[in-house]
Amino acid sequence: MRIDTPAPALGAGRWPDLWAVACVALVVMAVGLPLANWMQARAAADACSNNLRALGGGLVRYVGDHDSLPQNASLLPDFRTLDSWSNARNNRHLASLSDGRYVEKTCLCCPNDHAGHGYAYQVPTAAANRSWKLGARVPMVADRNPAIELTRAGRTVGLCIINSPDHGGSGQNALFTDASVEFLRNATIMVPEIDGEPRHLENIYLPMSAADRSARTLEQDLDRPSEWIQVDVFLLD
């Protein structure tokens, strides 16, 4: 018996096995990477919705203590002199919740918002307080405003039908006035009748002007702050 027979050279009769291994690896990558990305996006969306649920509980307690939505008088802009909505940082009002220990500070921002801009928040007005007290179910906090993002980047908004950038454009988490959280596939919702205002379609990220109201059309753009009539759902970063 001879034991000095040389082993076959690499590739001699082994290429089918190598190709099989390579094909399996490609299949694993083709299936595994999208699945991993989906799971990561789903985890971030779930963490975002948990943040908003915590904010909802904090808002309920805050309104119970103060009979008003969170707002800081020193941060309220003068809409008559404000040049652009992109100059306003309305979500700073939510800091009252973390400052008063109603929520943790980490709840004020979506996990996908790596720049830390924070959630878009309903601009505090008398109409917003009335809608809360009347029990109308409308969004009051949501992921970042895409129209504001475009404006700050120097781009024209026009009729904004795009979603928040926080979830890859697939939609946005929104906290409603009944403290429920819902993932909205687009930014246009049906707003119920509130305080004499008829039921109508509305973009939660755009302010309603007198022209929009009289024409009974969707809001067309960001308009000037002085043109906002302060009766619609307008969530501002």
C-alpha atoms as a PDB file:
ATOM      1  CA  MET A   1       0.000   0.000   0.000  1.00  0.00           C
ATOM      2  CA  ARG A   2       1.340   3.396  -0.985  1.00  0.00           C
ATOM      3  CA  ILE A   3       0.591   6.502   1.055  1.00  0.00           C
ATOM      4  CA  ASP A   4       2.613   9.021  -0.889  1.00  0.00           C
ATOM      5  CA  THR A   5      -0.017   9.649  -3.567  1.00  0.00           C
ATOM      6  CA  PRO A   6      -0.127  13.440  -4.045  1.00  0.00           C
ATOM      7  CA  ALA A   7      -3.356  15.204  -3.103  1.00  0.00           C
ATOM      8  CA  PRO A   8      -5.325  16.626  -6.026  1.00  0.00           C
ATOM      9  CA  ALA A   9      -4.455  20.225  -6.843  1.00  0.00           C
ATOM     10  CA  LEU A  10      -6.843  22.988  -5.749  1.00  0.00           C
ATOM     11  CA  GLY A  11      -9.641  23.165  -8.245  1.00  0.00           C
ATOM     12  CA  ALA A  12      -9.147  19.705  -9.599  1.00  0.00           C
ATOM     13  CA  GLY A  13     -12.610  18.257  -9.142  1.00  0.00           C
ATOM     14  CA  ARG A  14     -13.511  20.812  -6.442  1.00  0.00           C
ATOM     15  CA  TRP A  15     -14.990  23.678  -8.496  1.00  0.00           C
ATOM     16  CA  PRO A  16     -18.579  22.333  -8.286  1.00  0.00           C
ATOM     17  CA  ASP A  17     -18.314  22.333  -4.478  1.00  0.00           C
ATOM     18  CA  LEU A  18     -16.872  25.848  -4.428  1.00  0.00           C
ATOM     19  CA  TRP A  19     -19.606  27.145  -6.738  1.00  0.00           C
ATOM     20  CA  ALA A  20     -22.240  25.531  -4.505  1.00  0.00           C
ATOM     21  CA  VAL A  21     -20.810  27.234  -1.430  1.00  0.00           C
ATOM     22  CA  ALA A  22     -20.656  30.578  -3.264  1.00  0.00           C
ATOM     23  CA  CYS A  23     -24.258  30.261  -4.417  1.00  0.00           C
ATOM     24  CA  VAL A  24     -25.436  29.479  -0.900  1.00  0.00           C
ATOM     25  CA  ALA A  25     -23.541  32.522   0.400  1.00  0.00           C
ATOM     26  CA  LEU A  26     -25.134  34.751  -2.227  1.00  0.00           C
ATOM     27  CA  VAL A  27     -28.602  33.459  -1.363  1.00  0.00           C
ATOM     28  CA  VAL A  28     -27.981  34.084   2.330  1.00  0.00           C
ATOM     29  CA  MET A  29     -26.826  37.643   1.600  1.00  0.00           C
ATOM     30  CA  ALA A  30     -29.722  38.324  -0.789  1.00  0.00           C
ATOM     31  CA  VAL A  31     -32.266  37.210   1.788  1.00  0.00           C
ATOM     32  CA  GLY A  32     -30.468  38.016   5.017  1.00  0.00           C
ATOM     33  CA  LEU A  33     -29.445  41.635   4.388  1.00  0.00           C
ATOM     34  CA  PRO A  34     -32.923  42.899   3.414  1.00  0.00           C
ATOM     35  CA  LEU A  35     -34.383  40.969   6.334  1.00  0.00           C
ATOM     36  CA  ALA A  36     -31.838  42.485   8.710  1.00  0.00           C
ATOM     37  CA  ASN A  37     -32.557  45.966   7.346  1.00  0.00           C
ATOM     38  CA  TRP A  38     -36.303  45.392   7.713  1.00  0.00           C
ATOM     39  CA  MET A  39     -35.895  44.169  11.286  1.00  0.00           C
ATOM     40  CA  GLN A  40     -33.743  47.196  12.119  1.00  0.00           C
ATOM     41  CA  ALA A  41     -36.295  49.588  10.592  1.00  0.00           C
ATOM     42  CA  ARG A  42     -39.133  47.800  12.413  1.00  0.00           C
ATOM     43  CA  ALA A  43     -37.284  48.021  15.723  1.00  0.00           C
ATOM     44  CA  ALA A  44     -36.729  51.763  15.205  1.00  0.00           C
ATOM     45  CA  ALA A  45     -40.394  52.269  14.297  1.00  0.00           C
ATOM     46  CA  ASP A  46     -41.473  50.369  17.414  1.00  0.00           C
ATOM     47  CA  ALA A  47     -39.087  52.401  19.579  1.00  0.00           C
ATOM     48  CA  CYS A  48     -40.496  55.579  18.014  1.00  0.00           C
ATOM     49  CA  SER A  49     -44.079  54.550  18.756  1.00  0.00           C
ATOM     50  CA  ASN A  50     -43.078  53.734  22.339  1.00  0.00           C
ATOM     51  CA  ASN A  51     -41.591  57.224  22.648  1.00  0.00           C
ATOM     52  CA  LEU A  52     -44.848  58.739  21.452  1.00  0.00           C
ATOM     53  CA  ARG A  53     -46.917  56.621  23.852  1.00  0.00           C
ATOM     54  CA  ALA A  54     -44.763  57.907  26.699  1.00  0.00           C
ATOM     55  CA  LEU A  55     -45.260  61.456  25.394  1.00  0.00           C
ATOM     56  CA  GLY A  56     -49.005  60.848  25.308  1.00  0.00           C
ATOM     57  CA  GLY A  57     -49.043  59.865  28.959  1.00  0.00           C
ATOM     58  CA  GLY A  58     -46.866  62.836  29.830  1.00  0.00           C
ATOM     59  CA  LEU A  59     -49.126  65.221  27.912  1.00  0.00           C
ATOM     60  CA  VAL A  60     -52.231  63.921  29.682  1.00  0.00           C
ATOM     61  CA  ARG A  61     -50.589  64.487  33.068  1.00  0.00           C
ATOM     62  CA  TYR A  62     -49.276  67.906  32.018  1.00  0.00           C
ATOM     63  CA  VAL A  63     -52.696  69.079  30.820  1.00  0.00           C
ATOM     64  CA  GLY A  64     -54.215  67.765  34.040  1.00  0.00           C
ATOM     65  CA  ASP A  65     -51.744  69.808  36.090  1.00  0.00           C
ATOM     66  CA  HIS A  66     -51.708  73.002  34.000  1.00  0.00           C
ATOM     67  CA  ASP A  67     -55.021  72.978  32.061  1.00  0.00           C
ATOM     68  CA  SER A  68     -53.016  73.799  28.949  1.00  0.00           C
ATOM     69  CA  LEU A  69     -50.794  72.160  26.353  1.00  0.00           C
ATOM     70  CA  PRO A  70     -47.039  72.541  26.939  1.00  0.00           C
ATOM     71  CA  GLN A  71     -45.797  75.889  25.777  1.00  0.00           C
ATOM     72  CA  ASN A  72     -43.220  78.436  26.803  1.00  0.00           C
ATOM     73  CA  ALA A  73     -44.224  82.047  26.292  1.00  0.00           C
ATOM     74  CA  SER A  74     -40.643  83.073  25.561  1.00  0.00           C
ATOM     75  CA  LEU A  75     -40.530  80.650  22.622  1.00  0.00           C
ATOM     76  CA  LEU A  76     -43.828  81.605  20.967  1.00  0.00           C
ATOM     77  CA  PRO A  77     -42.995  83.477  17.739  1.00  0.00           C
ATOM     78  CA  ASP A  78     -44.776  86.600  16.544  1.00  0.00           C
ATOM     79  CA  PHE A  79     -46.439  85.190  13.430  1.00  0.00           C
ATOM     80  CA  ARG A  80     -46.901  88.704  11.987  1.00  0.00           C
ATOM     81  CA  THR A  81     -43.157  89.292  11.791  1.00  0.00           C
ATOM     82  CA  LEU A  82     -41.861  85.755  11.231  1.00  0.00           C
ATOM     83  CA  ASP A  83     -40.432  85.470   7.703  1.00  0.00           C
ATOM     84  CA  SER A  84     -40.504  81.706   7.355  1.00  0.00           C
ATOM     85  CA  TRP A  85     -41.698  78.648   9.232  1.00  0.00           C
ATOM     86  CA  SER A  86     -38.206  77.188   8.906  1.00  0.00           C
ATOM     87  CA  ASN A  87     -37.024  79.856  11.359  1.00  0.00           C
ATOM     88  CA  ALA A  88     -39.274  78.514  14.133  1.00  0.00           C
ATOM     89  CA  ARG A  89     -38.440  75.578  16.434  1.00  0.00           C
ATOM     90  CA  ASN A  90     -41.833  74.759  17.838  1.00  0.00           C
ATOM     91  CA  ASN A  91     -40.931  71.348  19.272  1.00  0.00           C
ATOM     92  CA  ARG A  92     -38.880  73.107  21.947  1.00  0.00           C
ATOM     93  CA  HIS A  93     -42.177  73.386  23.800  1.00  0.00           C
ATOM     94  CA  LEU A  94     -42.036  69.625  24.375  1.00  0.00           C
ATOM     95  CA  ALA A  95     -38.986  70.211  26.558  1.00  0.00           C
ATOM     96  CA  SER A  96     -41.470  71.298  29.248  1.00  0.00           C
ATOM     97  CA  LEU A  97     -42.411  67.614  29.566  1.00  0.00           C
ATOM     98  CA  SER A  98     -38.866  66.438  30.218  1.00  0.00           C
ATOM     99  CA  ASP A  99     -38.020  69.473  32.359  1.00  0.00           C
ATOM    100  CA  GLY A 100     -41.063  68.756  34.523  1.00  0.00           C
ATOM    101  CA  ARG A 101     -40.198  65.045  34.681  1.00  0.00           C
ATOM    102  CA  TYR A 102     -43.339  64.010  32.841  1.00  0.00           C
ATOM    103  CA  VAL A 103     -41.215  62.001  30.360  1.00  0.00           C
ATOM    104  CA  GLU A 104     -37.574  61.116  29.779  1.00  0.00           C
ATOM    105  CA  LYS A 105     -35.656  63.428  27.460  1.00  0.00           C
ATOM    106  CA  THR A 106     -34.938  60.519  25.093  1.00  0.00           C
ATOM    107  CA  CYS A 107     -38.672  60.355  24.309  1.00  0.00           C
ATOM    108  CA  LEU A 108     -38.579  63.713  22.506  1.00  0.00           C
ATOM    109  CA  CYS A 109     -36.890  62.353  19.382  1.00  0.00           C
ATOM    110  CA  CYS A 110     -37.371  59.447  16.953  1.00  0.00           C
ATOM    111  CA  PRO A 111     -34.492  56.902  17.116  1.00  0.00           C
ATOM    112  CA  ASN A 112     -34.075  57.327  13.337  1.00  0.00           C
ATOM    113  CA  ASP A 113     -33.592  61.087  13.733  1.00  0.00           C
ATOM    114  CA  HIS A 114     -29.828  60.910  14.079  1.00  0.00           C
ATOM    115  CA  ALA A 115     -29.417  64.691  13.905  1.00  0.00           C
ATOM    116  CA  GLY A 116     -31.673  65.049  16.939  1.00  0.00           C
ATOM    117  CA  HIS A 117     -34.117  67.558  15.424  1.00  0.00           C
ATOM    118  CA  GLY A 118     -36.979  66.117  17.482  1.00  0.00           C
ATOM    119  CA  TYR A 119     -40.636  65.399  16.791  1.00  0.00           C
ATOM    120  CA  ALA A 120     -42.982  67.820  15.047  1.00  0.00           C
ATOM    121  CA  TYR A 121     -45.475  69.273  17.551  1.00  0.00           C
ATOM    122  CA  GLN A 122     -48.837  70.995  17.224  1.00  0.00           C
ATOM    123  CA  VAL A 123     -48.302  74.756  17.355  1.00  0.00           C
ATOM    124  CA  PRO A 124     -49.988  75.829  20.618  1.00  0.00           C
ATOM    125  CA  THR A 125     -53.053  77.992  19.964  1.00  0.00           C
ATOM    126  CA  ALA A 126     -56.467  78.541  21.515  1.00  0.00           C
ATOM    127  CA  ALA A 127     -57.914  76.300  18.792  1.00  0.00           C
ATOM    128  CA  ALA A 128     -55.501  73.494  19.743  1.00  0.00           C
ATOM    129  CA  ASN A 129     -56.577  73.729  23.376  1.00  0.00           C
ATOM    130  CA  ARG A 130     -60.254  73.618  22.364  1.00  0.00           C
ATOM    131  CA  SER A 131     -59.765  70.549  20.172  1.00  0.00           C
ATOM    132  CA  TRP A 132     -58.105  68.778  23.114  1.00  0.00           C
ATOM    133  CA  LYS A 133     -60.909  69.655  25.520  1.00  0.00           C
ATOM    134  CA  LEU A 134     -63.638  68.767  22.991  1.00  0.00           C
ATOM    135  CA  GLY A 135     -62.142  65.307  22.548  1.00  0.00           C
ATOM    136  CA  ALA A 136     -61.510  65.611  18.799  1.00  0.00           C
ATOM    137  CA  ARG A 137     -59.103  62.889  17.661  1.00  0.00           C
ATOM    138  CA  VAL A 138     -56.404  64.647  15.648  1.00  0.00           C
ATOM    139  CA  PRO A 139     -52.585  64.299  15.530  1.00  0.00           C
ATOM    140  CA  MET A 140     -50.642  66.543  17.871  1.00  0.00           C
ATOM    141  CA  VAL A 141     -47.120  65.057  17.682  1.00  0.00           C
ATOM    142  CA  ALA A 142     -45.493  63.197  14.781  1.00  0.00           C
ATOM    143  CA  ASP A 143     -42.173  62.477  13.113  1.00  0.00           C
ATOM    144  CA  ARG A 144     -40.215  65.323  11.519  1.00  0.00           C
ATOM    145  CA  ASN A 145     -41.997  67.678   9.106  1.00  0.00           C
ATOM    146  CA  PRO A 146     -40.752  66.906   5.532  1.00  0.00           C
ATOM    147  CA  ALA A 147     -41.842  70.324   4.222  1.00  0.00           C
ATOM    148  CA  ILE A 148     -39.651  72.058   6.796  1.00  0.00           C
ATOM    149  CA  GLU A 149     -36.759  69.774   5.845  1.00  0.00           C
ATOM    150  CA  LEU A 150     -37.122  70.797   2.171  1.00  0.00           C
ATOM    151  CA  THR A 151     -37.379  74.484   3.040  1.00  0.00           C
ATOM    152  CA  ARG A 152     -34.280  74.423   5.195  1.00  0.00           C
ATOM    153  CA  ALA A 153     -32.443  72.717   2.314  1.00  0.00           C
ATOM    154  CA  GLY A 154     -33.442  75.578   0.002  1.00  0.00           C
ATOM    155  CA  ARG A 155     -35.871  73.511  -2.089  1.00  0.00           C
ATOM    156  CA  THR A 156     -39.384  74.445  -3.214  1.00  0.00           C
ATOM    157  CA  VAL A 157     -42.130  72.631  -1.362  1.00  0.00           C
ATOM    158  CA  GLY A 158     -45.292  73.064  -3.446  1.00  0.00           C
ATOM    159  CA  LEU A 159     -48.110  70.648  -2.649  1.00  0.00           C
ATOM    160  CA  CYS A 160     -46.415  68.444  -0.077  1.00  0.00           C
ATOM    161  CA  ILE A 161     -47.567  64.829  -0.234  1.00  0.00           C
ATOM    162  CA  ILE A 162     -44.308  63.255   0.918  1.00  0.00           C
ATOM    163  CA  ASN A 163     -43.765  61.583   4.255  1.00  0.00           C
ATOM    164  CA  SER A 164     -41.383  62.306   7.099  1.00  0.00           C
ATOM    165  CA  PRO A 165     -37.750  61.282   6.483  1.00  0.00           C
ATOM    166  CA  ASP A 166     -37.580  59.508   9.854  1.00  0.00           C
ATOM    167  CA  HIS A 167     -38.858  56.169   8.508  1.00  0.00           C
ATOM    168  CA  GLY A 168     -37.393  56.089   5.019  1.00  0.00           C
ATOM    169  CA  GLY A 169     -40.381  57.869   3.501  1.00  0.00           C
ATOM    170  CA  SER A 170     -42.726  54.955   4.263  1.00  0.00           C
ATOM    171  CA  GLY A 171     -44.883  57.009   6.638  1.00  0.00           C
ATOM    172  CA  GLN A 172     -44.844  58.613  10.061  1.00  0.00           C
ATOM    173  CA  ASN A 173     -45.821  57.717  13.595  1.00  0.00           C
ATOM    174  CA  ALA A 174     -48.354  60.132  15.021  1.00  0.00           C
ATOM    175  CA  LEU A 175     -49.618  60.713  18.546  1.00  0.00           C
ATOM    176  CA  PHE A 176     -53.301  61.714  18.615  1.00  0.00           C
ATOM    177  CA  THR A 177     -55.146  63.822  21.161  1.00  0.00           C
ATOM    178  CA  ASP A 178     -56.731  60.679  22.662  1.00  0.00           C
ATOM    179  CA  ALA A 179     -53.167  59.521  23.513  1.00  0.00           C
ATOM    180  CA  SER A 180     -53.285  56.759  20.876  1.00  0.00           C
ATOM    181  CA  VAL A 181     -50.385  56.206  18.451  1.00  0.00           C
ATOM    182  CA  GLU A 182     -50.865  55.290  14.800  1.00  0.00           C
ATOM    183  CA  PHE A 183     -48.499  54.815  11.855  1.00  0.00           C
ATOM    184  CA  LEU A 184     -49.809  56.988   8.998  1.00  0.00           C
ATOM    185  CA  ARG A 185     -48.895  55.851   5.490  1.00  0.00           C
ATOM    186  CA  ASN A 186     -49.315  59.403   4.188  1.00  0.00           C
ATOM    187  CA  ALA A 187     -49.540  62.883   5.668  1.00  0.00           C
ATOM    188  CA  THR A 188     -53.114  63.546   4.504  1.00  0.00           C
ATOM    189  CA  ILE A 189     -55.844  62.608   6.967  1.00  0.00           C
ATOM    190  CA  MET A 190     -59.565  63.179   7.416  1.00  0.00           C
ATOM    191  CA  VAL A 191     -60.049  65.677  10.226  1.00  0.00           C
ATOM    192  CA  PRO A 192     -63.379  65.407  12.103  1.00  0.00           C
ATOM    193  CA  GLU A 193     -65.654  68.389  12.679  1.00  0.00           C
ATOM    194  CA  ILE A 194     -64.093  70.581  15.350  1.00  0.00           C
ATOM    195  CA  ASP A 195     -65.658  73.614  16.977  1.00  0.00           C
ATOM    196  CA  GLY A 196     -67.747  74.545  13.938  1.00  0.00           C
ATOM    197  CA  GLU A 197     -65.113  73.607  11.351  1.00  0.00           C
ATOM    198  CA  PRO A 198     -66.564  70.988   8.938  1.00  0.00           C
ATOM    199  CA  ARG A 199     -65.039  67.540   8.426  1.00  0.00           C
ATOM    200  CA  HIS A 200     -62.315  67.796   5.789  1.00  0.00           C
ATOM    201  CA  LEU A 201     -59.081  66.402   4.365  1.00  0.00           C
ATOM    202  CA  GLU A 202     -55.922  67.999   5.653  1.00  0.00           C
ATOM    203  CA  ASN A 203     -52.146  67.709   5.431  1.00  0.00           C
ATOM    204  CA  ILE A 204     -50.773  67.519   8.956  1.00  0.00           C
ATOM    205  CA  TYR A 205     -47.487  69.162   7.942  1.00  0.00           C
ATOM    206  CA  LEU A 206     -48.820  72.263   6.154  1.00  0.00           C
ATOM    207  CA  PRO A 207     -50.549  75.347   7.610  1.00  0.00           C
ATOM    208  CA  MET A 208     -53.992  76.352   6.328  1.00  0.00           C
ATOM    209  CA  SER A 209     -54.338  79.842   4.877  1.00  0.00           C
ATOM    210  CA  ALA A 210     -57.533  81.814   4.349  1.00  0.00           C
ATOM    211  CA  ALA A 211     -57.310  81.036   0.624  1.00  0.00           C
ATOM    212  CA  ASP A 212     -57.057  77.286   1.312  1.00  0.00           C
ATOM    213  CA  ARG A 213     -60.035  77.464   3.650  1.00  0.00           C
ATOM    214  CA  SER A 214     -62.272  79.398   1.245  1.00  0.00           C
ATOM    215  CA  ALA A 215     -61.370  77.135  -1.669  1.00  0.00           C
ATOM    216  CA  ARG A 216     -61.841  74.005   0.474  1.00  0.00           C
ATOM    217  CA  THR A 217     -58.680  72.486  -0.977  1.00  0.00           C
ATOM    218  CA  LEU A 218     -55.668  70.798   0.533  1.00  0.00           C
ATOM    219  CA  GLU A 219     -53.018  73.179   1.770  1.00  0.00           C
ATOM    220  CA  GLN A 220     -50.747  74.095  -1.135  1.00  0.00           C
ATOM    221  CA  ASP A 221     -47.484  75.062   0.558  1.00  0.00           C
ATOM    222  CA  LEU A 222     -46.011  76.482   3.747  1.00  0.00           C
ATOM    223  CA  ASP A 223     -47.303  80.029   3.000  1.00  0.00           C
ATOM    224  CA  ARG A 224     -46.141  82.915   5.154  1.00  0.00           C
ATOM    225  CA  PRO A 225     -46.654  82.592   8.910  1.00  0.00           C
ATOM    226  CA  SER A 226     -48.828  85.728   8.857  1.00  0.00           C
ATOM    227  CA  GLU A 227     -51.266  83.925   6.500  1.00  0.00           C
ATOM    228  CA  TRP A 228     -51.911  81.007   8.840  1.00  0.00           C
ATOM    229  CA  ILE A 229     -55.442  81.116  10.269  1.00  0.00           C
ATOM    230  CA  GLN A 230     -54.563  78.850  13.222  1.00  0.00           C
ATOM    231  CA  VAL A 231     -57.547  76.509  12.991  1.00  0.00           C
ATOM    232  CA  ASP A 232     -55.956  73.426  11.404  1.00  0.00           C
ATOM    233  CA  VAL A 233     -53.641  70.594  12.386  1.00  0.00           C
ATOM    234  CA  PHE A 234     -50.142  71.941  11.761  1.00  0.00           C
ATOM    235  CA  LEU A 235     -47.217  70.008  13.227  1.00  0.00           C
ATOM    236  CA  LEU A 236     -43.985  71.983  13.252  1.00  0.00           C
ATOM    237  CA  ASP A 237     -40.458  70.853  14.186  1.00  0.00           C
END
